[in-house]
Amino acid sequence: MTQSVERYYLGVDVGSISTNLAVIDQSKELIDSVYLRTEGRPVNSVQKGIKLMRDKIGEDLDISGAGSTGSARKLTGVIVGADIVKNEITAHALASLHYNPDIQTVMEIGGQDSKIIIIRNSIVVDFAMNTVCAAGTGSFLDMQASRLDIPIENFGRLALKSENAVSIAGRCTVFAESDMIHKQQLGHPTEDIIKGLCEALARNYLNNVGKGKDIKPPIMFQGGVAANAGMREAFEKYLEKEILIPEYYDVMGAIGAAILAQEDKERKKKHTDSKFFGWDIPDMKFNTTGFECDGCPNICEIVEIRKNEELIARWGSRCGKWDVAD
């Protein structure tokens, strides 16, 4: 009798602020995860994340499939040797449905963008993203925490202590900062100002990203900002509905990418031919360069990716003249 082999899948989610990795088993249960800052260097953050994961679970654990998602998903896919590259809407929705099959609304707020996903009968029927104004994202709270000289980790705890939130104009970061300084000068307690900031971000999110959306429960809140208990309370105040926060709220995109990799392999019935480069990715040398093509008036910006001096991908041309990608 042939003994079944346990299979593991890697998901990598790289955004402008954070880089998240997750490894799941064939039952889609999380084995381990890594959360770190991208710091404007996605290639380095992916290599660092792979090293951290390798240190945690060991390099003897074989990866049967790898997936990438996030705003840098294409670059990430090339760096790790991903078997599948998908957008973050698909990844977050899939991970959310894994942990709660009845979920109907997913709210996600990260460092530089935020999104809402509307799900009906386990299918994404609508979504919206905010990638322009920082007033609806985690960086909004980060900036104000810095000005108040309060660790962002303490924001939620302080917000819950307040019984009288101060009204803050939260539609614009510049106006919010001016309004917050004004309220400080008037002598309002810090916890009331912090609660007001949380409520301002919640209003901004609902009036922009969530505008016109049919927000039905169960509602799942994820992303780094979900760690802020003050934000959860603010959303529950305005929506008058319970807000669910999953255990792995900060790496849901990576979990979704791992599930996508697993489903891709199972659909194709291929388990031994993953493109994943392996746990020695941190030791590889990746170079990214760019140039402008002057072959036509489009003047396309071309990006080249090399691994150990070998060209592994190139993209950016509208006509496909320069593209090299598997």
Protein backbone atom coordinates (compact mmCIF):
# COMPACT_ATOMS: atom_id res chain seq x y z
CA MET A 1 0.00 0.00 0.00
CA THR A 2 1.45 3.35 -1.07
CA GLN A 3 1.73 5.89 1.75
CA SER A 4 0.27 9.28 0.91
CA VAL A 5 2.69 12.19 0.88
CA GLU A 6 1.83 15.32 2.83
CA ARG A 7 1.91 18.35 0.55
CA TYR A 8 2.59 21.96 1.48
CA TYR A 9 1.90 25.19 -0.38
CA LEU A 10 3.44 28.65 -0.14
CA GLY A 11 1.65 31.95 -0.60
CA VAL A 12 3.41 35.33 -0.87
CA ASP A 13 1.57 38.65 -0.67
CA VAL A 14 3.68 41.75 -1.32
CA GLY A 15 2.20 45.20 -0.92
CA SER A 16 3.62 48.70 -0.60
CA ILE A 17 3.89 48.47 3.19
CA SER A 18 4.06 44.80 4.16
CA THR A 19 5.28 41.49 2.78
CA ASN A 20 3.43 38.43 4.04
CA LEU A 21 4.14 34.74 3.58
CA ALA A 22 2.09 31.70 4.54
CA VAL A 23 2.60 27.95 4.28
CA ILE A 24 -0.44 25.69 4.42
CA ASP A 25 -0.88 21.93 4.35
CA GLN A 26 -3.18 20.02 2.01
CA SER A 27 -6.06 20.54 4.47
CA LYS A 28 -5.57 24.29 3.96
CA GLU A 29 -4.51 24.71 7.58
CA LEU A 30 -1.82 27.28 8.30
CA ILE A 31 1.56 25.77 9.19
CA ASP A 32 3.35 29.08 9.75
CA SER A 33 3.41 32.67 8.56
CA VAL A 34 5.75 35.64 8.25
CA TYR A 35 4.85 39.35 8.36
CA LEU A 36 7.47 42.01 7.66
CA ARG A 37 7.82 45.48 6.19
CA THR A 38 8.44 45.87 2.47
CA GLU A 39 10.35 49.13 3.02
CA GLY A 40 10.20 50.01 -0.68
CA ARG A 41 12.37 47.03 -1.66
CA PRO A 42 10.06 44.16 -2.65
CA VAL A 43 12.82 41.85 -3.94
CA ASN A 44 14.80 42.14 -0.72
CA SER A 45 11.69 41.78 1.44
CA VAL A 46 10.68 38.58 -0.40
CA GLN A 47 14.17 37.13 0.07
CA LYS A 48 14.14 38.10 3.74
CA GLY A 49 10.66 36.63 4.15
CA ILE A 50 11.70 33.33 2.56
CA LYS A 51 14.71 33.17 4.89
CA LEU A 52 12.54 33.82 7.95
CA MET A 53 10.08 31.14 6.85
CA ARG A 54 12.92 28.70 6.17
CA ASP A 55 14.30 29.33 9.65
CA LYS A 56 10.88 28.69 11.18
CA ILE A 57 9.79 25.52 9.38
CA GLY A 58 13.05 24.09 8.07
CA GLU A 59 14.41 23.76 4.55
CA ASP A 60 13.51 20.05 4.41
CA LEU A 61 9.82 20.87 4.01
CA ASP A 62 9.03 20.49 0.33
CA ILE A 63 6.75 23.03 -1.34
CA SER A 64 4.36 21.43 -3.86
CA GLY A 65 3.10 24.75 -5.20
CA ALA A 66 3.62 28.49 -4.76
CA GLY A 67 1.34 31.45 -5.42
CA SER A 68 1.81 35.22 -5.36
CA THR A 69 -0.58 38.10 -4.90
CA GLY A 70 -0.59 41.77 -3.91
CA SER A 71 0.34 44.93 -5.77
CA ALA A 72 3.80 43.47 -6.56
CA ARG A 73 2.44 40.03 -7.46
CA LYS A 74 4.01 39.88 -10.93
CA LEU A 75 7.49 40.72 -9.66
CA THR A 76 7.01 38.41 -6.67
CA GLY A 77 5.93 35.56 -8.92
CA VAL A 78 9.15 35.87 -10.90
CA ILE A 79 11.35 36.06 -7.79
CA VAL A 80 9.91 32.98 -6.05
CA GLY A 81 9.03 30.94 -9.11
CA ALA A 82 5.29 31.04 -8.49
CA ASP A 83 3.01 28.50 -10.13
CA ILE A 84 0.10 30.94 -10.11
CA VAL A 85 -0.20 34.74 -9.88
CA LYS A 86 -3.55 36.22 -8.89
CA ASN A 87 -4.97 39.57 -7.78
CA GLU A 88 -5.54 40.30 -4.11
CA ILE A 89 -9.34 40.41 -4.45
CA THR A 90 -9.38 36.73 -5.39
CA ALA A 91 -6.82 35.81 -2.71
CA HIS A 92 -8.54 37.62 0.16
CA ALA A 93 -11.98 36.32 -0.81
CA LEU A 94 -10.75 32.72 -1.01
CA ALA A 95 -9.02 32.88 2.37
CA SER A 96 -12.07 34.50 3.97
CA LEU A 97 -14.39 31.80 2.64
CA HIS A 98 -12.03 29.12 3.94
CA TYR A 99 -12.37 30.42 7.51
CA ASN A 100 -16.05 31.35 7.23
CA PRO A 101 -18.03 29.87 4.30
CA ASP A 102 -20.99 32.14 5.12
CA ILE A 103 -19.06 35.41 4.80
CA GLN A 104 -20.81 38.07 2.69
CA THR A 105 -18.57 41.12 3.13
CA VAL A 106 -14.81 41.44 3.45
CA MET A 107 -13.28 44.75 4.56
CA GLU A 108 -9.51 44.99 4.26
CA ILE A 109 -7.37 47.97 5.22
CA GLY A 110 -3.64 47.88 4.70
CA GLY A 111 -0.90 50.45 4.91
CA GLN A 112 -1.42 52.20 1.57
CA ASP A 113 -4.67 50.84 0.17
CA SER A 114 -8.00 49.47 1.27
CA LYS A 115 -10.63 47.32 -0.35
CA ILE A 116 -14.11 45.91 0.10
CA ILE A 117 -15.27 42.61 -1.36
CA ILE A 118 -18.93 41.68 -1.66
CA ILE A 119 -19.58 37.93 -1.67
CA ARG A 120 -22.86 36.14 -2.29
CA ASN A 121 -23.20 32.36 -2.27
CA SER A 122 -19.41 31.99 -2.05
CA ILE A 123 -18.88 34.06 -5.22
CA VAL A 124 -17.39 37.55 -5.49
CA VAL A 125 -20.08 39.74 -7.05
CA ASP A 126 -18.63 43.21 -6.43
CA PHE A 127 -15.56 44.95 -5.06
CA ALA A 128 -13.90 48.34 -4.76
CA MET A 129 -10.42 49.57 -3.95
CA ASN A 130 -8.94 52.83 -2.73
CA THR A 131 -5.34 53.35 -3.84
CA VAL A 132 -5.21 57.13 -4.10
CA CYS A 133 -5.94 58.87 -0.79
CA ALA A 134 -4.06 57.78 2.35
CA ALA A 135 -6.86 59.06 4.60
CA GLY A 136 -8.62 55.71 4.28
CA THR A 137 -5.61 53.52 5.03
CA GLY A 138 -3.32 52.43 7.84
CA SER A 139 -0.74 55.08 7.00
CA PHE A 140 -3.34 57.66 8.08
CA LEU A 141 -3.24 56.28 11.63
CA ASP A 142 0.53 55.79 11.49
CA MET A 143 1.08 59.47 10.69
CA GLN A 144 -1.20 60.65 13.47
CA ALA A 145 0.33 58.21 15.97
CA SER A 146 3.73 59.63 15.14
CA ARG A 147 2.50 63.19 15.67
CA LEU A 148 0.93 62.21 19.01
CA ASP A 149 4.13 60.32 19.94
CA ILE A 150 2.11 57.21 20.74
CA PRO A 151 3.04 53.70 19.51
CA ILE A 152 0.47 52.61 16.93
CA GLU A 153 0.12 49.34 18.88
CA ASN A 154 -1.46 51.33 21.75
CA PHE A 155 -4.00 53.14 19.58
CA GLY A 156 -6.79 50.61 19.94
CA ARG A 157 -6.43 50.29 23.72
CA LEU A 158 -6.51 54.06 24.19
CA ALA A 159 -9.49 54.47 21.84
CA LEU A 160 -11.53 51.99 23.90
CA LYS A 161 -10.89 54.05 27.04
CA SER A 162 -12.67 57.04 25.53
CA GLU A 163 -16.34 57.70 26.20
CA ASN A 164 -16.55 60.89 24.15
CA ALA A 165 -14.94 60.77 20.71
CA VAL A 166 -13.79 64.10 19.30
CA SER A 167 -15.06 64.82 15.80
CA ILE A 168 -12.13 64.82 13.36
CA ALA A 169 -12.34 65.84 9.69
CA GLY A 170 -11.02 62.63 8.16
CA ARG A 171 -11.64 63.02 4.42
CA CYS A 172 -8.11 64.32 3.87
CA THR A 173 -4.90 63.64 5.80
CA VAL A 174 -3.91 67.31 5.69
CA PHE A 175 -7.26 68.48 7.08
CA ALA A 176 -7.28 65.65 9.64
CA GLU A 177 -3.88 66.64 10.96
CA SER A 178 -4.84 70.31 11.20
CA ASP A 179 -8.11 69.40 12.92
CA MET A 180 -6.33 67.07 15.34
CA ILE A 181 -3.80 69.77 16.32
CA HIS A 182 -6.66 72.21 16.85
CA LYS A 183 -8.46 69.74 19.13
CA GLN A 184 -5.25 69.17 21.09
CA GLN A 185 -4.85 72.90 21.59
CA LEU A 186 -8.42 73.08 22.88
CA GLY A 187 -7.43 70.60 25.59
CA HIS A 188 -9.33 67.46 24.55
CA PRO A 189 -8.02 64.24 26.18
CA THR A 190 -5.70 62.17 24.00
CA GLU A 191 -7.91 59.08 24.14
CA ASP A 192 -10.89 61.09 22.86
CA ILE A 193 -8.80 62.39 19.95
CA ILE A 194 -7.60 58.88 19.13
CA LYS A 195 -11.14 57.52 19.16
CA GLY A 196 -12.13 60.40 16.89
CA LEU A 197 -9.35 59.47 14.48
CA CYS A 198 -10.54 55.85 14.37
CA GLU A 199 -14.08 56.98 13.66
CA ALA A 200 -12.86 59.40 10.99
CA LEU A 201 -11.04 56.58 9.17
CA ALA A 202 -14.10 54.33 9.42
CA ARG A 203 -16.33 57.07 7.99
CA ASN A 204 -13.85 57.74 5.20
CA TYR A 205 -13.73 54.06 4.30
CA LEU A 206 -17.51 53.63 4.28
CA ASN A 207 -18.12 56.87 2.36
CA ASN A 208 -15.53 56.08 -0.31
CA VAL A 209 -14.55 52.44 -0.66
CA GLY A 210 -17.88 51.21 0.71
CA LYS A 211 -20.05 53.80 -1.02
CA GLY A 212 -23.02 52.20 -2.73
CA LYS A 213 -22.04 48.70 -1.58
CA ASP A 214 -24.56 46.31 -0.05
CA ILE A 215 -22.71 45.55 3.19
CA LYS A 216 -24.34 42.47 4.67
CA PRO A 217 -23.23 40.30 7.59
CA PRO A 218 -21.26 38.23 8.30
CA ILE A 219 -18.63 40.95 7.87
CA MET A 220 -14.94 40.08 8.11
CA PHE A 221 -12.34 42.76 8.82
CA GLN A 222 -8.72 42.01 7.89
CA GLY A 223 -5.41 43.67 7.10
CA GLY A 224 -2.93 45.22 9.50
CA VAL A 225 -5.44 47.84 10.70
CA ALA A 226 -7.73 45.06 11.99
CA ALA A 227 -5.35 44.77 14.96
CA ASN A 228 -6.71 48.12 16.15
CA ALA A 229 -9.63 47.44 18.49
CA GLY A 230 -10.70 51.08 18.12
CA MET A 231 -11.28 50.55 14.41
CA ARG A 232 -13.43 47.49 15.03
CA GLU A 233 -15.54 49.45 17.51
CA ALA A 234 -15.89 52.34 15.04
CA PHE A 235 -17.09 50.08 12.23
CA GLU A 236 -19.57 48.38 14.55
CA LYS A 237 -20.88 51.79 15.56
CA TYR A 238 -21.55 52.98 12.01
CA LEU A 239 -22.68 49.68 10.51
CA GLU A 240 -24.61 48.55 13.60
CA LYS A 241 -23.43 45.03 12.87
CA GLU A 242 -20.91 42.66 14.41
CA ILE A 243 -17.45 42.78 12.87
CA LEU A 244 -15.52 39.49 12.71
CA ILE A 245 -11.72 39.50 12.80
CA PRO A 246 -10.05 36.25 11.72
CA GLU A 247 -7.17 34.79 13.72
CA TYR A 248 -4.72 35.40 10.88
CA TYR A 249 -6.10 38.80 9.89
CA ASP A 250 -2.69 40.16 8.86
CA VAL A 251 -1.69 37.40 6.39
CA MET A 252 -5.02 36.52 4.78
CA GLY A 253 -3.78 37.51 1.32
CA ALA A 254 -0.81 35.14 1.61
CA ILE A 255 -3.07 32.33 2.83
CA GLY A 256 -5.34 32.93 -0.14
CA ALA A 257 -2.36 32.80 -2.52
CA ALA A 258 -1.30 29.48 -0.99
CA ILE A 259 -4.82 28.08 -1.41
CA LEU A 260 -4.83 29.24 -5.04
CA ALA A 261 -1.54 27.40 -5.60
CA GLN A 262 -2.99 24.25 -4.07
CA GLU A 263 -6.17 24.39 -6.14
CA ASP A 264 -4.16 25.07 -9.29
CA LYS A 265 -2.02 21.99 -8.71
CA GLU A 266 -4.99 19.79 -7.85
CA ARG A 267 -6.92 21.02 -10.89
CA LYS A 268 -4.01 20.23 -13.18
CA LYS A 269 -3.24 17.04 -11.23
CA LYS A 270 0.41 17.98 -11.07
CA HIS A 271 2.14 17.73 -7.73
CA THR A 272 5.84 17.30 -8.47
CA ASP A 273 6.64 20.02 -10.96
CA SER A 274 6.33 23.24 -8.99
CA LYS A 275 8.25 26.17 -10.42
CA PHE A 276 9.19 27.27 -6.88
CA PHE A 277 12.91 28.07 -6.85
CA GLY A 278 13.37 26.58 -3.37
CA TRP A 279 14.49 27.69 0.06
CA ASP A 280 17.80 28.99 -1.27
CA ILE A 281 16.06 32.02 -2.83
CA PRO A 282 17.66 34.28 -0.15
CA ASP A 283 21.08 33.22 -1.44
CA MET A 284 20.28 34.01 -5.07
CA LYS A 285 21.22 37.30 -6.69
CA PHE A 286 18.36 39.16 -8.34
CA ASN A 287 18.86 42.31 -10.39
CA THR A 288 16.14 44.53 -11.82
CA THR A 289 16.95 47.07 -14.51
CA GLY A 290 14.88 49.21 -16.83
CA PHE A 291 15.18 50.99 -20.14
CA GLU A 292 13.00 52.91 -22.58
CA CYS A 293 12.17 51.41 -25.96
CA ASP A 294 12.43 54.01 -28.74
CA GLY A 295 11.04 51.74 -31.44
CA CYS A 296 7.80 53.74 -31.70
CA PRO A 297 6.14 56.86 -30.21
CA ASN A 298 4.83 54.85 -27.20
CA ILE A 299 8.30 55.01 -25.55
CA CYS A 300 7.48 52.01 -23.35
CA GLU A 301 9.37 51.52 -20.07
CA ILE A 302 10.79 48.00 -20.09
CA VAL A 303 11.74 46.12 -16.91
CA GLU A 304 14.21 43.25 -16.86
CA ILE A 305 14.65 40.71 -14.05
CA ARG A 306 17.78 38.61 -13.82
CA LYS A 307 18.51 35.71 -11.46
CA ASN A 308 22.20 35.01 -10.99
CA GLU A 309 22.84 37.01 -14.20
CA GLU A 310 20.32 34.92 -16.17
CA LEU A 311 17.41 36.81 -17.75
CA ILE A 312 14.23 35.29 -16.33
CA ALA A 313 11.59 37.91 -17.15
CA ARG A 314 11.03 41.12 -19.05
CA TRP A 315 7.85 43.10 -19.48
CA GLY A 316 6.44 46.56 -20.14
CA SER A 317 6.11 46.78 -23.92
CA ARG A 318 2.62 47.40 -25.25
CA CYS A 319 3.29 45.42 -28.39
CA GLY A 320 4.99 42.53 -26.57
CA LYS A 321 8.22 43.03 -28.53
CA TRP A 322 10.45 42.82 -25.45
CA ASP A 323 8.38 40.59 -23.19
CA VAL A 324 10.05 37.53 -21.75
CA ALA A 325 7.96 35.76 -19.11
CA ASP A 326 7.02 32.15 -18.49
